[in-house]
């Protein structure tokens, strides 16, 4: 929700600035509004591409932001950081409550079909996200909640413990100067991905090359990794795998 709202607000503010009358006071106001939109986009996204599209070449402030996109993120005020953290936490908890009330245990497959299922390798590819749209949407819109559901289903962690673990890491990453917390975030996801490999007896578990590959995959596309794990564990629950059956 935050990522959808920020660009829309930025566009609205820029359009309003361009429509102001051309006098000294209005020009000053337009500059203020444009600068405000730039700072909003910078705080929410950070990449230089947005500033190159919306910034003004002759605006010294815009050029400064282009040259040092990290400083503006780190210069946020305490109340701004706290408000962003509070909004993120509230939305995550709301999504978690919705997940608990709407997502039920997967229905079992017919006996003949279940016997043919092999779980000693990933049941779907890393980018087969659209093969299950429900899992895909949960993984993209609120990955912490979908990951928590997977961890609970396979018995590696309780649902709320998993939610608050990833939420805490996400919130810490929003604090200026603590961006390196993302490394811990990637490490946690990669560690439990390896635990899934061990649970289902997959080849490559605990091997350095596999762990490195998992970490790179999680770093490049966390949602894809969470989605793949969810699809595999859901299939395990459908065939009544012993690791999932005890957590029904």
C-alpha atoms as a PDB file:
ATOM      1  CA  UNK A   1       0.000   0.000   0.000  1.00  0.00           C
ATOM      2  CA  UNK A   2       2.800   2.438   0.869  1.00  0.00           C
ATOM      3  CA  UNK A   3       4.591   1.725  -2.400  1.00  0.00           C
ATOM      4  CA  UNK A   4       1.411   2.309  -4.409  1.00  0.00           C
ATOM      5  CA  UNK A   5       0.517   5.562  -2.645  1.00  0.00           C
ATOM      6  CA  UNK A   6       3.880   7.307  -2.940  1.00  0.00           C
ATOM      7  CA  UNK A   7       4.134   7.551  -6.762  1.00  0.00           C
ATOM      8  CA  UNK A   8       0.493   8.598  -7.075  1.00  0.00           C
ATOM      9  CA  UNK A   9       0.997  11.424  -4.588  1.00  0.00           C
ATOM     10  CA  UNK A  10       4.144  12.485  -6.384  1.00  0.00           C
ATOM     11  CA  UNK A  11       2.378  12.669  -9.739  1.00  0.00           C
ATOM     12  CA  UNK A  12      -0.532  14.636  -8.284  1.00  0.00           C
ATOM     13  CA  UNK A  13       1.800  17.145  -6.670  1.00  0.00           C
ATOM     14  CA  UNK A  14       3.790  17.675  -9.875  1.00  0.00           C
ATOM     15  CA  UNK A  15       0.649  18.209 -11.951  1.00  0.00           C
ATOM     16  CA  UNK A  16      -0.642  20.718  -9.406  1.00  0.00           C
ATOM     17  CA  UNK A  17       2.660  22.588  -9.508  1.00  0.00           C
ATOM     18  CA  UNK A  18       2.572  22.873 -13.313  1.00  0.00           C
ATOM     19  CA  UNK A  19      -0.949  24.294 -13.249  1.00  0.00           C
ATOM     20  CA  UNK A  20      -0.208  27.189 -10.899  1.00  0.00           C
ATOM     21  CA  UNK A  21      -0.274  30.760 -12.342  1.00  0.00           C
ATOM     22  CA  UNK A  22       3.067  32.084 -13.533  1.00  0.00           C
ATOM     23  CA  UNK A  23       3.958  34.741 -10.949  1.00  0.00           C
ATOM     24  CA  UNK A  24       6.746  34.960  -8.439  1.00  0.00           C
ATOM     25  CA  UNK A  25       4.778  33.646  -5.489  1.00  0.00           C
ATOM     26  CA  UNK A  26       3.266  30.809  -7.452  1.00  0.00           C
ATOM     27  CA  UNK A  27       6.620  29.854  -8.935  1.00  0.00           C
ATOM     28  CA  UNK A  28       8.071  29.660  -5.460  1.00  0.00           C
ATOM     29  CA  UNK A  29       5.153  27.494  -4.373  1.00  0.00           C
ATOM     30  CA  UNK A  30       5.538  25.269  -7.426  1.00  0.00           C
ATOM     31  CA  UNK A  31       9.216  24.747  -6.645  1.00  0.00           C
ATOM     32  CA  UNK A  32       8.333  23.811  -3.090  1.00  0.00           C
ATOM     33  CA  UNK A  33       5.693  21.344  -4.239  1.00  0.00           C
ATOM     34  CA  UNK A  34       7.991  19.777  -6.855  1.00  0.00           C
ATOM     35  CA  UNK A  35      10.795  19.508  -4.326  1.00  0.00           C
ATOM     36  CA  UNK A  36       8.420  17.901  -1.833  1.00  0.00           C
ATOM     37  CA  UNK A  37       7.376  15.310  -4.402  1.00  0.00           C
ATOM     38  CA  UNK A  38      11.003  14.537  -5.179  1.00  0.00           C
ATOM     39  CA  UNK A  39      11.758  13.982  -1.524  1.00  0.00           C
ATOM     40  CA  UNK A  40       8.685  11.774  -1.151  1.00  0.00           C
ATOM     41  CA  UNK A  41       9.712   9.605  -4.109  1.00  0.00           C
ATOM     42  CA  UNK A  42      13.288   9.489  -2.812  1.00  0.00           C
ATOM     43  CA  UNK A  43      12.217   8.378   0.653  1.00  0.00           C
ATOM     44  CA  UNK A  44       9.917   5.647  -0.619  1.00  0.00           C
ATOM     45  CA  UNK A  45      11.976   4.271  -3.498  1.00  0.00           C
ATOM     46  CA  UNK A  46      15.499   5.665  -3.514  1.00  0.00           C
ATOM     47  CA  UNK A  47      16.513   4.678  -7.101  1.00  0.00           C
ATOM     48  CA  UNK A  48      17.960   7.395  -9.286  1.00  0.00           C
ATOM     49  CA  UNK A  49      15.637   6.547 -12.145  1.00  0.00           C
ATOM     50  CA  UNK A  50      12.651   8.205 -10.461  1.00  0.00           C
ATOM     51  CA  UNK A  51      14.579  11.400  -9.846  1.00  0.00           C
ATOM     52  CA  UNK A  52      15.847  11.447 -13.419  1.00  0.00           C
ATOM     53  CA  UNK A  53      12.263  11.236 -14.681  1.00  0.00           C
ATOM     54  CA  UNK A  54      10.645  13.704 -12.280  1.00  0.00           C
ATOM     55  CA  UNK A  55      13.580  15.953 -11.314  1.00  0.00           C
ATOM     56  CA  UNK A  56      14.509  19.242 -12.947  1.00  0.00           C
ATOM     57  CA  UNK A  57      17.927  19.427 -14.632  1.00  0.00           C
ATOM     58  CA  UNK A  58      18.457  23.010 -13.464  1.00  0.00           C
ATOM     59  CA  UNK A  59      17.346  22.335  -9.903  1.00  0.00           C
ATOM     60  CA  UNK A  60      20.412  22.203  -7.659  1.00  0.00           C
ATOM     61  CA  UNK A  61      18.518  20.335  -4.963  1.00  0.00           C
ATOM     62  CA  UNK A  62      17.389  17.661  -7.437  1.00  0.00           C
ATOM     63  CA  UNK A  63      20.922  17.281  -8.747  1.00  0.00           C
ATOM     64  CA  UNK A  64      22.203  16.902  -5.199  1.00  0.00           C
ATOM     65  CA  UNK A  65      19.699  14.130  -4.586  1.00  0.00           C
ATOM     66  CA  UNK A  66      20.796  12.456  -7.825  1.00  0.00           C
ATOM     67  CA  UNK A  67      24.441  12.591  -6.799  1.00  0.00           C
ATOM     68  CA  UNK A  68      23.807  11.298  -3.279  1.00  0.00           C
ATOM     69  CA  UNK A  69      20.558   9.290  -3.154  1.00  0.00           C
ATOM     70  CA  UNK A  70      21.414   7.708   0.210  1.00  0.00           C
ATOM     71  CA  UNK A  71      21.862  10.883   2.239  1.00  0.00           C
ATOM     72  CA  UNK A  72      18.239  11.977   1.928  1.00  0.00           C
ATOM     73  CA  UNK A  73      17.056   8.577   3.179  1.00  0.00           C
ATOM     74  CA  UNK A  74      19.357   8.788   6.180  1.00  0.00           C
ATOM     75  CA  UNK A  75      18.385  12.405   6.913  1.00  0.00           C
ATOM     76  CA  UNK A  76      14.743  11.573   7.663  1.00  0.00           C
ATOM     77  CA  UNK A  77      13.408  12.923  10.934  1.00  0.00           C
ATOM     78  CA  UNK A  78      12.631  10.697  13.895  1.00  0.00           C
ATOM     79  CA  UNK A  79       8.842  11.185  13.670  1.00  0.00           C
ATOM     80  CA  UNK A  80       8.928  10.365   9.957  1.00  0.00           C
ATOM     81  CA  UNK A  81      10.780   7.111  10.579  1.00  0.00           C
ATOM     82  CA  UNK A  82       8.476   6.143  13.446  1.00  0.00           C
ATOM     83  CA  UNK A  83       5.344   6.863  11.403  1.00  0.00           C
ATOM     84  CA  UNK A  84       6.602   4.773   8.481  1.00  0.00           C
ATOM     85  CA  UNK A  85       7.454   1.911  10.819  1.00  0.00           C
ATOM     86  CA  UNK A  86       4.052   2.110  12.500  1.00  0.00           C
ATOM     87  CA  UNK A  87       2.206   2.038   9.173  1.00  0.00           C
ATOM     88  CA  UNK A  88       4.228  -0.947   7.953  1.00  0.00           C
ATOM     89  CA  UNK A  89       3.617  -2.854  11.198  1.00  0.00           C
ATOM     90  CA  UNK A  90      -0.122  -2.132  11.193  1.00  0.00           C
ATOM     91  CA  UNK A  91      -0.594  -3.287   7.614  1.00  0.00           C
ATOM     92  CA  UNK A  92       1.497  -6.419   8.188  1.00  0.00           C
ATOM     93  CA  UNK A  93      -0.560  -7.405  11.253  1.00  0.00           C
ATOM     94  CA  UNK A  94      -3.815  -6.735   9.384  1.00  0.00           C
ATOM     95  CA  UNK A  95      -2.681  -8.961   6.508  1.00  0.00           C
ATOM     96  CA  UNK A  96      -1.641 -11.641   8.998  1.00  0.00           C
ATOM     97  CA  UNK A  97      -5.094 -11.613  10.605  1.00  0.00           C
ATOM     98  CA  UNK A  98      -6.746 -11.813   7.187  1.00  0.00           C
ATOM     99  CA  UNK A  99      -4.493 -14.727   6.233  1.00  0.00           C
ATOM    100  CA  UNK A 100      -5.372 -16.627   9.408  1.00  0.00           C
ATOM    101  CA  UNK A 101      -9.083 -16.165   8.827  1.00  0.00           C
ATOM    102  CA  UNK A 102      -9.188 -16.781   5.066  1.00  0.00           C
ATOM    103  CA  UNK A 103      -6.485 -19.312   4.182  1.00  0.00           C
ATOM    104  CA  UNK A 104      -7.362 -22.869   5.144  1.00  0.00           C
ATOM    105  CA  UNK A 105      -5.390 -26.115   5.155  1.00  0.00           C
ATOM    106  CA  UNK A 106      -4.931 -27.509   1.606  1.00  0.00           C
ATOM    107  CA  UNK A 107      -7.322 -30.230   0.534  1.00  0.00           C
ATOM    108  CA  UNK A 108      -5.832 -33.718   0.209  1.00  0.00           C
ATOM    109  CA  UNK A 109      -5.085 -35.161  -3.229  1.00  0.00           C
ATOM    110  CA  UNK A 110      -6.630 -38.457  -4.338  1.00  0.00           C
ATOM    111  CA  UNK A 111      -4.683 -41.488  -3.085  1.00  0.00           C
ATOM    112  CA  UNK A 112      -3.444 -42.559  -6.509  1.00  0.00           C
ATOM    113  CA  UNK A 113      -2.191 -39.099  -7.403  1.00  0.00           C
ATOM    114  CA  UNK A 114      -0.610 -38.545  -3.991  1.00  0.00           C
ATOM    115  CA  UNK A 115       1.504 -41.696  -4.333  1.00  0.00           C
ATOM    116  CA  UNK A 116       3.139 -40.334  -7.485  1.00  0.00           C
ATOM    117  CA  UNK A 117       4.255 -37.072  -5.853  1.00  0.00           C
ATOM    118  CA  UNK A 118       7.997 -36.792  -5.184  1.00  0.00           C
ATOM    119  CA  UNK A 119       9.134 -34.209  -2.668  1.00  0.00           C
ATOM    120  CA  UNK A 120      12.886 -34.825  -2.742  1.00  0.00           C
ATOM    121  CA  UNK A 121      13.244 -31.916  -5.183  1.00  0.00           C
ATOM    122  CA  UNK A 122      11.389 -28.646  -5.621  1.00  0.00           C
ATOM    123  CA  UNK A 123       7.952 -29.449  -7.026  1.00  0.00           C
ATOM    124  CA  UNK A 124       7.923 -26.276  -9.162  1.00  0.00           C
ATOM    125  CA  UNK A 125      10.518 -24.008 -10.695  1.00  0.00           C
ATOM    126  CA  UNK A 126      11.779 -20.823  -9.041  1.00  0.00           C
ATOM    127  CA  UNK A 127       9.811 -18.596 -11.415  1.00  0.00           C
ATOM    128  CA  UNK A 128       6.592 -20.621 -11.703  1.00  0.00           C
ATOM    129  CA  UNK A 129       4.859 -18.021  -9.564  1.00  0.00           C
ATOM    130  CA  UNK A 130       1.711 -17.843 -11.698  1.00  0.00           C
ATOM    131  CA  UNK A 131       1.030 -21.568 -11.311  1.00  0.00           C
ATOM    132  CA  UNK A 132      -0.754 -20.731  -8.047  1.00  0.00           C
ATOM    133  CA  UNK A 133      -2.128 -17.198  -8.076  1.00  0.00           C
ATOM    134  CA  UNK A 134      -3.217 -17.211  -4.443  1.00  0.00           C
ATOM    135  CA  UNK A 135       0.302 -18.022  -3.253  1.00  0.00           C
ATOM    136  CA  UNK A 136       1.733 -15.585  -5.798  1.00  0.00           C
ATOM    137  CA  UNK A 137      -0.366 -12.674  -4.542  1.00  0.00           C
ATOM    138  CA  UNK A 138       0.356 -13.379  -0.894  1.00  0.00           C
ATOM    139  CA  UNK A 139       4.085 -13.693  -1.608  1.00  0.00           C
ATOM    140  CA  UNK A 140       4.172 -10.390  -3.507  1.00  0.00           C
ATOM    141  CA  UNK A 141       1.831  -8.307  -1.342  1.00  0.00           C
ATOM    142  CA  UNK A 142       2.907  -9.533   2.088  1.00  0.00           C
ATOM    143  CA  UNK A 143       5.800 -12.009   1.875  1.00  0.00           C
ATOM    144  CA  UNK A 144       6.322 -12.102   5.646  1.00  0.00           C
ATOM    145  CA  UNK A 145       2.801 -13.479   6.163  1.00  0.00           C
ATOM    146  CA  UNK A 146       3.049 -16.057   3.381  1.00  0.00           C
ATOM    147  CA  UNK A 147       6.466 -17.184   4.656  1.00  0.00           C
ATOM    148  CA  UNK A 148       5.060 -17.507   8.170  1.00  0.00           C
ATOM    149  CA  UNK A 149       2.265 -19.715   6.849  1.00  0.00           C
ATOM    150  CA  UNK A 150       4.825 -21.988   5.214  1.00  0.00           C
ATOM    151  CA  UNK A 151       6.946 -22.216   8.353  1.00  0.00           C
ATOM    152  CA  UNK A 152       3.907 -23.107  10.456  1.00  0.00           C
ATOM    153  CA  UNK A 153       2.672 -25.711   7.988  1.00  0.00           C
ATOM    154  CA  UNK A 154       5.958 -27.579   8.048  1.00  0.00           C
ATOM    155  CA  UNK A 155       6.482 -27.134  11.800  1.00  0.00           C
ATOM    156  CA  UNK A 156       9.690 -25.098  11.711  1.00  0.00           C
ATOM    157  CA  UNK A 157       8.185 -22.120  13.540  1.00  0.00           C
ATOM    158  CA  UNK A 158       4.839 -20.916  14.830  1.00  0.00           C
ATOM    159  CA  UNK A 159       2.927 -18.530  12.573  1.00  0.00           C
ATOM    160  CA  UNK A 160       3.096 -15.438  14.773  1.00  0.00           C
ATOM    161  CA  UNK A 161       6.741 -16.027  15.699  1.00  0.00           C
ATOM    162  CA  UNK A 162       7.646 -16.098  12.006  1.00  0.00           C
ATOM    163  CA  UNK A 163       5.565 -12.997  11.248  1.00  0.00           C
ATOM    164  CA  UNK A 164       7.132 -10.953  14.027  1.00  0.00           C
ATOM    165  CA  UNK A 165      10.637 -12.167  13.141  1.00  0.00           C
ATOM    166  CA  UNK A 166      10.462 -10.874   9.563  1.00  0.00           C
ATOM    167  CA  UNK A 167       8.490  -7.796  10.611  1.00  0.00           C
ATOM    168  CA  UNK A 168      11.160  -6.881  13.160  1.00  0.00           C
ATOM    169  CA  UNK A 169      13.893  -7.207  10.527  1.00  0.00           C
ATOM    170  CA  UNK A 170      11.881  -5.127   8.075  1.00  0.00           C
ATOM    171  CA  UNK A 171      11.278  -2.388  10.634  1.00  0.00           C
ATOM    172  CA  UNK A 172      14.923  -2.300  11.673  1.00  0.00           C
ATOM    173  CA  UNK A 173      15.887  -1.937   8.019  1.00  0.00           C
ATOM    174  CA  UNK A 174      13.784   1.230   7.852  1.00  0.00           C
ATOM    175  CA  UNK A 175      15.890   2.929  10.522  1.00  0.00           C
ATOM    176  CA  UNK A 176      18.544   5.259   9.002  1.00  0.00           C
ATOM    177  CA  UNK A 177      21.963   3.647   9.129  1.00  0.00           C
ATOM    178  CA  UNK A 178      20.652   0.105   9.640  1.00  0.00           C
ATOM    179  CA  UNK A 179      20.287  -0.885   5.993  1.00  0.00           C
ATOM    180  CA  UNK A 180      22.709  -3.764   6.538  1.00  0.00           C
ATOM    181  CA  UNK A 181      19.937  -5.506   8.479  1.00  0.00           C
ATOM    182  CA  UNK A 182      18.821  -6.697   5.045  1.00  0.00           C
ATOM    183  CA  UNK A 183      21.791  -9.075   5.085  1.00  0.00           C
ATOM    184  CA  UNK A 184      20.352 -10.687   8.211  1.00  0.00           C
ATOM    185  CA  UNK A 185      16.937 -10.805   6.522  1.00  0.00           C
ATOM    186  CA  UNK A 186      18.409 -12.671   3.541  1.00  0.00           C
ATOM    187  CA  UNK A 187      20.335 -14.964   5.886  1.00  0.00           C
ATOM    188  CA  UNK A 188      17.181 -15.910   7.809  1.00  0.00           C
ATOM    189  CA  UNK A 189      15.209 -16.744   4.647  1.00  0.00           C
ATOM    190  CA  UNK A 190      18.133 -18.714   3.187  1.00  0.00           C
ATOM    191  CA  UNK A 191      18.667 -20.616   6.454  1.00  0.00           C
ATOM    192  CA  UNK A 192      15.073 -21.805   6.670  1.00  0.00           C
ATOM    193  CA  UNK A 193      15.077 -22.585   2.957  1.00  0.00           C
ATOM    194  CA  UNK A 194      17.902 -24.997   3.686  1.00  0.00           C
ATOM    195  CA  UNK A 195      15.873 -26.414   6.575  1.00  0.00           C
ATOM    196  CA  UNK A 196      13.126 -27.191   4.083  1.00  0.00           C
ATOM    197  CA  UNK A 197      15.669 -29.014   1.940  1.00  0.00           C
ATOM    198  CA  UNK A 198      16.682 -31.098   4.961  1.00  0.00           C
ATOM    199  CA  UNK A 199      13.060 -31.792   5.893  1.00  0.00           C
ATOM    200  CA  UNK A 200      12.230 -33.212   2.474  1.00  0.00           C
ATOM    201  CA  UNK A 201      15.592 -34.913   1.882  1.00  0.00           C
ATOM    202  CA  UNK A 202      16.614 -32.791  -1.093  1.00  0.00           C
ATOM    203  CA  UNK A 203      20.048 -33.153  -2.626  1.00  0.00           C
ATOM    204  CA  UNK A 204      22.505 -30.369  -1.851  1.00  0.00           C
ATOM    205  CA  UNK A 205      21.324 -29.657   1.687  1.00  0.00           C
ATOM    206  CA  UNK A 206      24.019 -28.003   3.830  1.00  0.00           C
ATOM    207  CA  UNK A 207      26.374 -27.737   0.858  1.00  0.00           C
ATOM    208  CA  UNK A 208      28.228 -24.466   0.388  1.00  0.00           C
ATOM    209  CA  UNK A 209      27.276 -24.105  -3.277  1.00  0.00           C
ATOM    210  CA  UNK A 210      23.598 -24.689  -2.487  1.00  0.00           C
ATOM    211  CA  UNK A 211      23.585 -22.253   0.421  1.00  0.00           C
ATOM    212  CA  UNK A 212      25.298 -19.615  -1.715  1.00  0.00           C
ATOM    213  CA  UNK A 213      22.807 -20.154  -4.534  1.00  0.00           C
ATOM    214  CA  UNK A 214      19.879 -19.897  -2.117  1.00  0.00           C
ATOM    215  CA  UNK A 215      21.237 -16.656  -0.653  1.00  0.00           C
ATOM    216  CA  UNK A 216      21.660 -15.144  -4.125  1.00  0.00           C
ATOM    217  CA  UNK A 217      18.174 -16.254  -5.148  1.00  0.00           C
ATOM    218  CA  UNK A 218      16.611 -14.780  -1.999  1.00  0.00           C
ATOM    219  CA  UNK A 219      18.566 -11.557  -2.459  1.00  0.00           C
ATOM    220  CA  UNK A 220      17.533 -11.157  -6.104  1.00  0.00           C
ATOM    221  CA  UNK A 221      13.887 -12.237  -5.803  1.00  0.00           C
ATOM    222  CA  UNK A 222      12.694 -12.846  -2.252  1.00  0.00           C
ATOM    223  CA  UNK A 223       9.067 -13.122  -3.323  1.00  0.00           C
ATOM    224  CA  UNK A 224       9.915 -15.849  -5.859  1.00  0.00           C
ATOM    225  CA  UNK A 225      11.784 -17.868  -3.222  1.00  0.00           C
ATOM    226  CA  UNK A 226       8.949 -17.565  -0.709  1.00  0.00           C
ATOM    227  CA  UNK A 227       6.404 -18.480  -3.376  1.00  0.00           C
ATOM    228  CA  UNK A 228       8.336 -21.588  -4.470  1.00  0.00           C
ATOM    229  CA  UNK A 229       8.678 -22.777  -0.876  1.00  0.00           C
ATOM    230  CA  UNK A 230       4.962 -22.205  -0.242  1.00  0.00           C
ATOM    231  CA  UNK A 231       3.943 -24.200  -3.317  1.00  0.00           C
ATOM    232  CA  UNK A 232       6.180 -27.098  -2.299  1.00  0.00           C
ATOM    233  CA  UNK A 233       4.971 -27.213   1.310  1.00  0.00           C
ATOM    234  CA  UNK A 234       1.352 -26.888   0.166  1.00  0.00           C
ATOM    235  CA  UNK A 235       1.847 -29.950  -2.040  1.00  0.00           C
ATOM    236  CA  UNK A 236       3.424 -31.769   0.892  1.00  0.00           C
ATOM    237  CA  UNK A 237       0.348 -30.993   2.982  1.00  0.00           C
ATOM    238  CA  UNK A 238      -1.925 -32.228   0.181  1.00  0.00           C
ATOM    239  CA  UNK A 239      -0.182 -35.622   0.123  1.00  0.00           C
ATOM    240  CA  UNK A 240      -0.218 -35.738   3.944  1.00  0.00           C
ATOM    241  CA  UNK A 241       3.557 -35.717   4.347  1.00  0.00           C
ATOM    242  CA  UNK A 242       4.507 -36.694   7.890  1.00  0.00           C
ATOM    243  CA  UNK A 243       6.183 -33.364   8.560  1.00  0.00           C
ATOM    244  CA  UNK A 244       2.986 -31.496   7.680  1.00  0.00           C
ATOM    245  CA  UNK A 245       0.429 -33.997   8.978  1.00  0.00           C
ATOM    246  CA  UNK A 246       1.499 -33.456  12.574  1.00  0.00           C
ATOM    247  CA  UNK A 247       0.867 -29.695  12.247  1.00  0.00           C
ATOM    248  CA  UNK A 248      -2.619 -29.872  10.744  1.00  0.00           C
END
